[in-house]
């Protein structure tokens, strides 16, 4: 009965390690998704159905243009990045590039992973 506290301590440490790992797996993708924003990049996702998302919020083309013009007027914002889903028709991507090219920020296209 002398060492009855050792298994409890081991299980506590194990539970703490699993909790820390789960928290890391939850927070890390969010931090990676926010990294472009810290570098002055507005990252715009174009979904396969034609919907636009900015910072995981649905937006319209007009809202994106207004935000791009405001961001171009402020120092620190460097470019607008368009990230289409793999299933997005390229005609839709090209039309959106034409619309966003007049937004005031340099536009870059991040090709989808295959």
C-alpha atoms as a PDB file:
ATOM      1  CA  UNK A   1       0.000   0.000   0.000  1.00  0.00           C
ATOM      2  CA  UNK A   2       3.040   2.211   0.126  1.00  0.00           C
ATOM      3  CA  UNK A   3       3.074   3.065  -3.592  1.00  0.00           C
ATOM      4  CA  UNK A   4      -0.652   3.495  -4.245  1.00  0.00           C
ATOM      5  CA  UNK A   5      -0.196   7.116  -5.298  1.00  0.00           C
ATOM      6  CA  UNK A   6       2.096   6.229  -8.248  1.00  0.00           C
ATOM      7  CA  UNK A   7      -0.630   4.891 -10.584  1.00  0.00           C
ATOM      8  CA  UNK A   8      -2.806   7.909  -9.825  1.00  0.00           C
ATOM      9  CA  UNK A   9       0.085  10.230 -10.645  1.00  0.00           C
ATOM     10  CA  UNK A  10       0.843   8.328 -13.852  1.00  0.00           C
ATOM     11  CA  UNK A  11      -2.791   8.468 -14.993  1.00  0.00           C
ATOM     12  CA  UNK A  12      -2.951  12.172 -14.153  1.00  0.00           C
ATOM     13  CA  UNK A  13       0.174  12.898 -16.189  1.00  0.00           C
ATOM     14  CA  UNK A  14      -1.139  10.774 -19.050  1.00  0.00           C
ATOM     15  CA  UNK A  15      -4.482  12.614 -19.002  1.00  0.00           C
ATOM     16  CA  UNK A  16      -2.708  15.968 -18.956  1.00  0.00           C
ATOM     17  CA  UNK A  17      -0.537  14.963 -21.926  1.00  0.00           C
ATOM     18  CA  UNK A  18      -3.548  13.770 -23.952  1.00  0.00           C
ATOM     19  CA  UNK A  19      -5.441  16.978 -23.125  1.00  0.00           C
ATOM     20  CA  UNK A  20      -2.474  19.115 -24.173  1.00  0.00           C
ATOM     21  CA  UNK A  21      -2.152  17.189 -27.440  1.00  0.00           C
ATOM     22  CA  UNK A  22      -5.872  17.573 -28.176  1.00  0.00           C
ATOM     23  CA  UNK A  23      -5.721  21.299 -27.455  1.00  0.00           C
ATOM     24  CA  UNK A  24      -2.679  21.649 -29.703  1.00  0.00           C
ATOM     25  CA  UNK A  25      -4.437  19.821 -32.538  1.00  0.00           C
ATOM     26  CA  UNK A  26      -7.406  22.151 -32.127  1.00  0.00           C
ATOM     27  CA  UNK A  27      -5.510  25.441 -31.912  1.00  0.00           C
ATOM     28  CA  UNK A  28      -2.673  24.827 -34.390  1.00  0.00           C
ATOM     29  CA  UNK A  29      -4.802  24.796 -37.579  1.00  0.00           C
ATOM     30  CA  UNK A  30      -6.484  28.018 -36.487  1.00  0.00           C
ATOM     31  CA  UNK A  31      -3.151  29.720 -35.905  1.00  0.00           C
ATOM     32  CA  UNK A  32      -1.859  28.491 -39.267  1.00  0.00           C
ATOM     33  CA  UNK A  33      -4.978  29.854 -40.972  1.00  0.00           C
ATOM     34  CA  UNK A  34      -4.453  33.254 -39.346  1.00  0.00           C
ATOM     35  CA  UNK A  35      -0.774  33.507 -40.240  1.00  0.00           C
ATOM     36  CA  UNK A  36      -1.346  35.161 -43.656  1.00  0.00           C
ATOM     37  CA  UNK A  37      -3.424  37.873 -41.973  1.00  0.00           C
ATOM     38  CA  UNK A  38      -0.473  38.764 -39.739  1.00  0.00           C
ATOM     39  CA  UNK A  39       1.664  39.197 -42.873  1.00  0.00           C
ATOM     40  CA  UNK A  40      -0.793  41.600 -44.476  1.00  0.00           C
ATOM     41  CA  UNK A  41      -2.513  39.079 -46.741  1.00  0.00           C
ATOM     42  CA  UNK A  42      -6.284  39.000 -47.199  1.00  0.00           C
ATOM     43  CA  UNK A  43      -6.868  35.318 -47.960  1.00  0.00           C
ATOM     44  CA  UNK A  44     -10.132  34.782 -49.849  1.00  0.00           C
ATOM     45  CA  UNK A  45     -11.454  31.236 -50.354  1.00  0.00           C
ATOM     46  CA  UNK A  46     -13.573  30.528 -53.428  1.00  0.00           C
ATOM     47  CA  UNK A  47     -15.785  27.495 -52.852  1.00  0.00           C
ATOM     48  CA  UNK A  48     -16.832  25.055 -55.552  1.00  0.00           C
ATOM     49  CA  UNK A  49     -20.426  26.336 -55.424  1.00  0.00           C
ATOM     50  CA  UNK A  50     -19.214  29.892 -56.106  1.00  0.00           C
ATOM     51  CA  UNK A  51     -19.419  31.146 -52.518  1.00  0.00           C
ATOM     52  CA  UNK A  52     -16.690  33.357 -51.112  1.00  0.00           C
ATOM     53  CA  UNK A  53     -15.297  33.121 -47.585  1.00  0.00           C
ATOM     54  CA  UNK A  54     -12.974  35.565 -45.871  1.00  0.00           C
ATOM     55  CA  UNK A  55     -11.644  34.572 -42.424  1.00  0.00           C
ATOM     56  CA  UNK A  56     -14.146  31.685 -42.481  1.00  0.00           C
ATOM     57  CA  UNK A  57     -17.100  34.066 -42.900  1.00  0.00           C
ATOM     58  CA  UNK A  58     -19.276  34.194 -46.033  1.00  0.00           C
ATOM     59  CA  UNK A  59     -18.875  37.440 -48.001  1.00  0.00           C
ATOM     60  CA  UNK A  60     -20.113  38.871 -51.293  1.00  0.00           C
ATOM     61  CA  UNK A  61     -17.962  40.187 -54.130  1.00  0.00           C
ATOM     62  CA  UNK A  62     -19.003  43.735 -53.286  1.00  0.00           C
ATOM     63  CA  UNK A  63     -17.914  43.330 -49.677  1.00  0.00           C
ATOM     64  CA  UNK A  64     -14.556  41.949 -50.779  1.00  0.00           C
ATOM     65  CA  UNK A  65     -13.983  44.857 -53.175  1.00  0.00           C
ATOM     66  CA  UNK A  66     -14.881  47.389 -50.484  1.00  0.00           C
ATOM     67  CA  UNK A  67     -12.591  45.687 -47.971  1.00  0.00           C
ATOM     68  CA  UNK A  68      -9.745  45.494 -50.503  1.00  0.00           C
ATOM     69  CA  UNK A  69     -10.031  49.218 -51.258  1.00  0.00           C
ATOM     70  CA  UNK A  70     -10.039  50.051 -47.548  1.00  0.00           C
ATOM     71  CA  UNK A  71      -7.069  47.747 -46.949  1.00  0.00           C
ATOM     72  CA  UNK A  72      -5.136  49.322 -49.835  1.00  0.00           C
ATOM     73  CA  UNK A  73      -5.527  52.724 -48.177  1.00  0.00           C
ATOM     74  CA  UNK A  74      -4.066  51.483 -44.876  1.00  0.00           C
ATOM     75  CA  UNK A  75      -0.380  50.691 -44.469  1.00  0.00           C
ATOM     76  CA  UNK A  76       0.604  47.108 -43.772  1.00  0.00           C
ATOM     77  CA  UNK A  77      -1.796  45.289 -46.100  1.00  0.00           C
ATOM     78  CA  UNK A  78       0.224  43.990 -49.004  1.00  0.00           C
ATOM     79  CA  UNK A  79      -1.911  41.729 -51.193  1.00  0.00           C
ATOM     80  CA  UNK A  80      -5.129  39.813 -51.769  1.00  0.00           C
ATOM     81  CA  UNK A  81      -4.799  36.025 -52.125  1.00  0.00           C
ATOM     82  CA  UNK A  82      -7.475  34.030 -53.948  1.00  0.00           C
ATOM     83  CA  UNK A  83      -7.609  30.339 -52.953  1.00  0.00           C
ATOM     84  CA  UNK A  84     -10.093  28.350 -55.086  1.00  0.00           C
ATOM     85  CA  UNK A  85     -11.364  24.916 -54.088  1.00  0.00           C
ATOM     86  CA  UNK A  86     -10.225  22.092 -56.395  1.00  0.00           C
ATOM     87  CA  UNK A  87     -13.778  21.647 -57.745  1.00  0.00           C
ATOM     88  CA  UNK A  88     -14.243  25.301 -58.685  1.00  0.00           C
ATOM     89  CA  UNK A  89     -14.752  25.886 -62.423  1.00  0.00           C
ATOM     90  CA  UNK A  90     -11.857  27.891 -63.861  1.00  0.00           C
ATOM     91  CA  UNK A  91     -14.260  30.199 -65.672  1.00  0.00           C
ATOM     92  CA  UNK A  92     -15.576  31.319 -62.288  1.00  0.00           C
ATOM     93  CA  UNK A  93     -12.022  31.814 -61.016  1.00  0.00           C
ATOM     94  CA  UNK A  94     -11.057  33.917 -64.051  1.00  0.00           C
ATOM     95  CA  UNK A  95     -14.202  36.051 -63.761  1.00  0.00           C
ATOM     96  CA  UNK A  96     -13.471  36.707 -60.093  1.00  0.00           C
ATOM     97  CA  UNK A  97      -9.850  37.576 -60.897  1.00  0.00           C
ATOM     98  CA  UNK A  98     -11.111  40.192 -63.379  1.00  0.00           C
ATOM     99  CA  UNK A  99     -13.414  41.651 -60.729  1.00  0.00           C
ATOM    100  CA  UNK A 100     -10.824  41.667 -57.936  1.00  0.00           C
ATOM    101  CA  UNK A 101      -7.990  42.986 -60.077  1.00  0.00           C
ATOM    102  CA  UNK A 102      -9.428  46.489 -59.702  1.00  0.00           C
ATOM    103  CA  UNK A 103      -9.575  46.258 -55.892  1.00  0.00           C
ATOM    104  CA  UNK A 104      -6.452  48.285 -55.215  1.00  0.00           C
ATOM    105  CA  UNK A 105      -4.384  45.444 -53.751  1.00  0.00           C
ATOM    106  CA  UNK A 106      -2.053  43.186 -55.726  1.00  0.00           C
ATOM    107  CA  UNK A 107      -3.801  39.901 -56.422  1.00  0.00           C
ATOM    108  CA  UNK A 108      -2.184  36.484 -56.187  1.00  0.00           C
ATOM    109  CA  UNK A 109      -3.682  33.101 -56.977  1.00  0.00           C
ATOM    110  CA  UNK A 110      -2.913  30.106 -54.768  1.00  0.00           C
ATOM    111  CA  UNK A 111      -3.559  26.965 -56.771  1.00  0.00           C
ATOM    112  CA  UNK A 112      -5.531  24.262 -54.959  1.00  0.00           C
ATOM    113  CA  UNK A 113      -3.803  21.154 -53.709  1.00  0.00           C
ATOM    114  CA  UNK A 114      -4.473  18.092 -55.844  1.00  0.00           C
END
